[in-house]
Amino acid sequence: MTTGRTENPIDETHSCEVIVTNEQGLHARPADLVAREAQRWESRIEFIGKSQRVDGKSILDLLTLAAEEGTHLVVEATGPDAREALDAIGNLFNKKFASNESSTITNTEKTQQERHVSGSSARINTATCESVAERNTNS
């Protein structure tokens, strides 16, 4: 990560390079995850690709990058929490946009839940409802 420092620590700028490594590229779901993560931080966050600089807090701006698998992007953050913001955003790219691995349901667990639910259409699988509620509160 390269750092450009200014006299005012609030205007401190940091940047790093990320690579889009998932097969589908930076499509709607990962762009939404990145924009939501960027919105959590006070710093201004921008993505730079080819000849374009876009607002990292805007899903629509991120989608205009048309970043396919293998695309190199520079992420630049300016503000008091710039370094932390870049770490969090870089982590999303490193994990191929898996936002919360602990709440992800594996295929085996999903199959077991489907069998449980299919036994009676009136029953509700509360474990599935709880994990969906957790994901909604973590977003």
C-alpha atoms as a PDB file:
ATOM      1  CA  MET A   1       0.000   0.000   0.000  1.00  0.00           C
ATOM      2  CA  THR A   2       1.376   3.367  -0.983  1.00  0.00           C
ATOM      3  CA  THR A   3       0.770   6.376   1.178  1.00  0.00           C
ATOM      4  CA  GLY A   4       0.596  10.021   0.221  1.00  0.00           C
ATOM      5  CA  ARG A   5       0.635  12.268   3.310  1.00  0.00           C
ATOM      6  CA  THR A   6      -0.477  15.851   3.562  1.00  0.00           C
ATOM      7  CA  GLU A   7      -0.053  18.370   6.375  1.00  0.00           C
ATOM      8  CA  ASN A   8      -3.589  17.851   7.687  1.00  0.00           C
ATOM      9  CA  PRO A   9      -4.081  14.278   9.028  1.00  0.00           C
ATOM     10  CA  ILE A  10      -7.795  14.475   8.170  1.00  0.00           C
ATOM     11  CA  ASP A  11      -6.815  14.768   4.509  1.00  0.00           C
ATOM     12  CA  GLU A  12      -4.427  11.831   4.652  1.00  0.00           C
ATOM     13  CA  THR A  13      -4.572   9.763   1.460  1.00  0.00           C
ATOM     14  CA  HIS A  14      -3.770   6.087   1.106  1.00  0.00           C
ATOM     15  CA  SER A  15      -4.062   3.870  -1.936  1.00  0.00           C
ATOM     16  CA  CYS A  16      -3.721   0.220  -2.838  1.00  0.00           C
ATOM     17  CA  GLU A  17      -4.146  -1.966  -5.870  1.00  0.00           C
ATOM     18  CA  VAL A  18      -6.773  -4.702  -5.968  1.00  0.00           C
ATOM     19  CA  ILE A  19      -7.369  -7.368  -8.597  1.00  0.00           C
ATOM     20  CA  VAL A  20     -10.816  -8.659  -9.502  1.00  0.00           C
ATOM     21  CA  THR A  21     -10.331 -12.431  -9.194  1.00  0.00           C
ATOM     22  CA  ASN A  22     -13.835 -13.854  -9.338  1.00  0.00           C
ATOM     23  CA  GLU A  23     -15.058 -15.248 -12.671  1.00  0.00           C
ATOM     24  CA  GLN A  24     -18.066 -12.916 -12.966  1.00  0.00           C
ATOM     25  CA  GLY A  25     -16.036  -9.765 -12.370  1.00  0.00           C
ATOM     26  CA  LEU A  26     -17.303  -6.775 -10.426  1.00  0.00           C
ATOM     27  CA  HIS A  27     -20.991  -7.362 -11.214  1.00  0.00           C
ATOM     28  CA  ALA A  28     -24.012  -6.113  -9.221  1.00  0.00           C
ATOM     29  CA  ARG A  29     -23.678  -8.220  -6.045  1.00  0.00           C
ATOM     30  CA  PRO A  30     -19.978  -7.569  -5.377  1.00  0.00           C
ATOM     31  CA  ALA A  31     -20.324  -3.922  -6.423  1.00  0.00           C
ATOM     32  CA  ASP A  32     -23.109  -3.597  -3.855  1.00  0.00           C
ATOM     33  CA  LEU A  33     -20.919  -5.192  -1.170  1.00  0.00           C
ATOM     34  CA  VAL A  34     -18.029  -2.866  -1.994  1.00  0.00           C
ATOM     35  CA  ALA A  35     -20.238   0.243  -2.023  1.00  0.00           C
ATOM     36  CA  ARG A  36     -21.833  -0.726   1.309  1.00  0.00           C
ATOM     37  CA  GLU A  37     -18.412  -1.308   2.861  1.00  0.00           C
ATOM     38  CA  ALA A  38     -17.158   2.029   1.519  1.00  0.00           C
ATOM     39  CA  GLN A  39     -20.214   3.819   2.943  1.00  0.00           C
ATOM     40  CA  ARG A  40     -19.283   2.624   6.441  1.00  0.00           C
ATOM     41  CA  TRP A  41     -16.216   4.877   6.416  1.00  0.00           C
ATOM     42  CA  GLU A  42     -15.934   8.624   6.743  1.00  0.00           C
ATOM     43  CA  SER A  43     -13.142   8.846   4.172  1.00  0.00           C
ATOM     44  CA  ARG A  44     -13.741   9.617   0.515  1.00  0.00           C
ATOM     45  CA  ILE A  45     -13.144   6.374  -1.410  1.00  0.00           C
ATOM     46  CA  GLU A  46     -12.503   6.242  -5.128  1.00  0.00           C
ATOM     47  CA  PHE A  47     -11.694   3.456  -7.571  1.00  0.00           C
ATOM     48  CA  ILE A  48      -9.412   4.123 -10.514  1.00  0.00           C
ATOM     49  CA  GLY A  49      -9.495   1.856 -13.537  1.00  0.00           C
ATOM     50  CA  LYS A  50      -7.973   2.423 -16.968  1.00  0.00           C
ATOM     51  CA  SER A  51      -8.948   6.054 -17.637  1.00  0.00           C
ATOM     52  CA  GLN A  52     -11.782   6.345 -15.154  1.00  0.00           C
ATOM     53  CA  ARG A  53     -12.081   7.509 -11.525  1.00  0.00           C
ATOM     54  CA  VAL A  54     -15.362   6.659  -9.752  1.00  0.00           C
ATOM     55  CA  ASP A  55     -16.963   7.088  -6.341  1.00  0.00           C
ATOM     56  CA  GLY A  56     -16.486   3.858  -4.360  1.00  0.00           C
ATOM     57  CA  LYS A  57     -19.628   4.558  -2.335  1.00  0.00           C
ATOM     58  CA  SER A  58     -21.848   4.358  -5.445  1.00  0.00           C
ATOM     59  CA  ILE A  59     -22.838   0.961  -6.831  1.00  0.00           C
ATOM     60  CA  LEU A  60     -23.704   2.543 -10.180  1.00  0.00           C
ATOM     61  CA  ASP A  61     -20.313   4.226 -10.438  1.00  0.00           C
ATOM     62  CA  LEU A  62     -18.579   0.946  -9.586  1.00  0.00           C
ATOM     63  CA  LEU A  63     -20.544  -0.890 -12.276  1.00  0.00           C
ATOM     64  CA  THR A  64     -19.393   1.641 -14.907  1.00  0.00           C
ATOM     65  CA  LEU A  65     -15.861   0.312 -14.425  1.00  0.00           C
ATOM     66  CA  ALA A  66     -16.973  -2.878 -16.237  1.00  0.00           C
ATOM     67  CA  ALA A  67     -14.216  -4.659 -14.282  1.00  0.00           C
ATOM     68  CA  GLU A  68     -13.895  -8.219 -15.547  1.00  0.00           C
ATOM     69  CA  GLU A  69     -11.874 -11.013 -13.981  1.00  0.00           C
ATOM     70  CA  GLY A  70      -8.204 -10.021 -13.922  1.00  0.00           C
ATOM     71  CA  THR A  71      -8.851  -6.261 -13.907  1.00  0.00           C
ATOM     72  CA  HIS A  72      -6.416  -4.232 -11.789  1.00  0.00           C
ATOM     73  CA  LEU A  73      -7.969  -1.310  -9.933  1.00  0.00           C
ATOM     74  CA  VAL A  74      -6.418   1.308  -7.678  1.00  0.00           C
ATOM     75  CA  VAL A  75      -8.455   2.130  -4.578  1.00  0.00           C
ATOM     76  CA  GLU A  76      -7.754   5.547  -3.097  1.00  0.00           C
ATOM     77  CA  ALA A  77      -9.081   6.702   0.276  1.00  0.00           C
ATOM     78  CA  THR A  78      -8.731  10.188   1.721  1.00  0.00           C
ATOM     79  CA  GLY A  79      -9.748  10.980   5.280  1.00  0.00           C
ATOM     80  CA  PRO A  80      -9.235  10.124   8.932  1.00  0.00           C
ATOM     81  CA  ASP A  81     -10.016   6.406   8.555  1.00  0.00           C
ATOM     82  CA  ALA A  82      -8.504   5.904   5.099  1.00  0.00           C
ATOM     83  CA  ARG A  83      -6.112   3.110   6.046  1.00  0.00           C
ATOM     84  CA  GLU A  84      -8.819   1.080   7.829  1.00  0.00           C
ATOM     85  CA  ALA A  85     -11.233   1.583   4.935  1.00  0.00           C
ATOM     86  CA  LEU A  86      -8.680   0.280   2.440  1.00  0.00           C
ATOM     87  CA  ASP A  87      -7.976  -2.754   4.616  1.00  0.00           C
ATOM     88  CA  ALA A  88     -11.683  -3.613   4.763  1.00  0.00           C
ATOM     89  CA  ILE A  89     -12.238  -3.106   1.030  1.00  0.00           C
ATOM     90  CA  GLY A  90      -9.072  -5.011   0.140  1.00  0.00           C
ATOM     91  CA  ASN A  91     -10.287  -7.862   2.308  1.00  0.00           C
ATOM     92  CA  LEU A  92     -13.506  -8.087   0.249  1.00  0.00           C
ATOM     93  CA  PHE A  93     -11.460  -8.478  -2.934  1.00  0.00           C
ATOM     94  CA  ASN A  94      -9.147 -11.023  -1.283  1.00  0.00           C
ATOM     95  CA  LYS A  95     -12.152 -13.119  -0.232  1.00  0.00           C
ATOM     96  CA  LYS A  96     -13.705 -12.799  -3.718  1.00  0.00           C
ATOM     97  CA  PHE A  97     -16.570 -10.760  -2.233  1.00  0.00           C
ATOM     98  CA  ALA A  98     -17.652 -13.374   0.321  1.00  0.00           C
ATOM     99  CA  SER A  99     -19.053 -10.868   2.828  1.00  0.00           C
ATOM    100  CA  ASN A 100     -19.644 -13.193   5.782  1.00  0.00           C
ATOM    101  CA  GLU A 101     -18.246 -16.686   5.443  1.00  0.00           C
ATOM    102  CA  SER A 102     -19.549 -17.811   8.841  1.00  0.00           C
ATOM    103  CA  SER A 103     -23.181 -17.285   7.820  1.00  0.00           C
ATOM    104  CA  THR A 104     -22.833 -18.955   4.437  1.00  0.00           C
ATOM    105  CA  ILE A 105     -24.865 -22.148   4.197  1.00  0.00           C
ATOM    106  CA  THR A 106     -23.029 -25.038   2.542  1.00  0.00           C
ATOM    107  CA  ASN A 107     -24.744 -27.222  -0.059  1.00  0.00           C
ATOM    108  CA  THR A 108     -24.959 -30.117   2.427  1.00  0.00           C
ATOM    109  CA  GLU A 109     -26.588 -27.942   5.094  1.00  0.00           C
ATOM    110  CA  LYS A 110     -28.979 -26.511   2.506  1.00  0.00           C
ATOM    111  CA  THR A 111     -29.985 -29.996   1.335  1.00  0.00           C
ATOM    112  CA  GLN A 112     -30.621 -31.093   4.931  1.00  0.00           C
ATOM    113  CA  GLN A 113     -32.739 -27.985   5.538  1.00  0.00           C
ATOM    114  CA  GLU A 114     -34.717 -28.596   2.341  1.00  0.00           C
ATOM    115  CA  ARG A 115     -35.473 -32.177   3.470  1.00  0.00           C
ATOM    116  CA  HIS A 116     -36.575 -30.858   6.869  1.00  0.00           C
ATOM    117  CA  VAL A 117     -38.870 -28.255   5.309  1.00  0.00           C
ATOM    118  CA  SER A 118     -40.253 -30.626   2.654  1.00  0.00           C
ATOM    119  CA  GLY A 119     -41.464 -33.038   5.374  1.00  0.00           C
ATOM    120  CA  SER A 120     -44.253 -30.631   6.291  1.00  0.00           C
ATOM    121  CA  SER A 121     -45.216 -27.529   4.383  1.00  0.00           C
ATOM    122  CA  ALA A 122     -46.656 -25.995   7.575  1.00  0.00           C
ATOM    123  CA  ARG A 123     -43.353 -26.159   9.505  1.00  0.00           C
ATOM    124  CA  ILE A 124     -40.769 -23.379   9.268  1.00  0.00           C
ATOM    125  CA  ASN A 125     -37.093 -24.109   9.602  1.00  0.00           C
ATOM    126  CA  THR A 126     -36.138 -21.542  12.258  1.00  0.00           C
ATOM    127  CA  ALA A 127     -32.391 -22.039  11.705  1.00  0.00           C
ATOM    128  CA  THR A 128     -32.769 -20.733   8.149  1.00  0.00           C
ATOM    129  CA  CYS A 129     -34.873 -17.779   9.331  1.00  0.00           C
ATOM    130  CA  GLU A 130     -32.309 -16.867  11.988  1.00  0.00           C
ATOM    131  CA  SER A 131     -29.405 -16.947   9.547  1.00  0.00           C
ATOM    132  CA  VAL A 132     -31.320 -14.735   7.115  1.00  0.00           C
ATOM    133  CA  ALA A 133     -32.122 -12.311   9.942  1.00  0.00           C
ATOM    134  CA  GLU A 134     -28.447 -12.247  10.972  1.00  0.00           C
ATOM    135  CA  ARG A 135     -27.373 -11.474   7.398  1.00  0.00           C
ATOM    136  CA  ASN A 136     -29.916  -8.671   7.172  1.00  0.00           C
ATOM    137  CA  THR A 137     -28.648  -7.050  10.379  1.00  0.00           C
ATOM    138  CA  ASN A 138     -25.001  -7.450   9.348  1.00  0.00           C
ATOM    139  CA  SER A 139     -25.502  -5.779   5.940  1.00  0.00           C
END
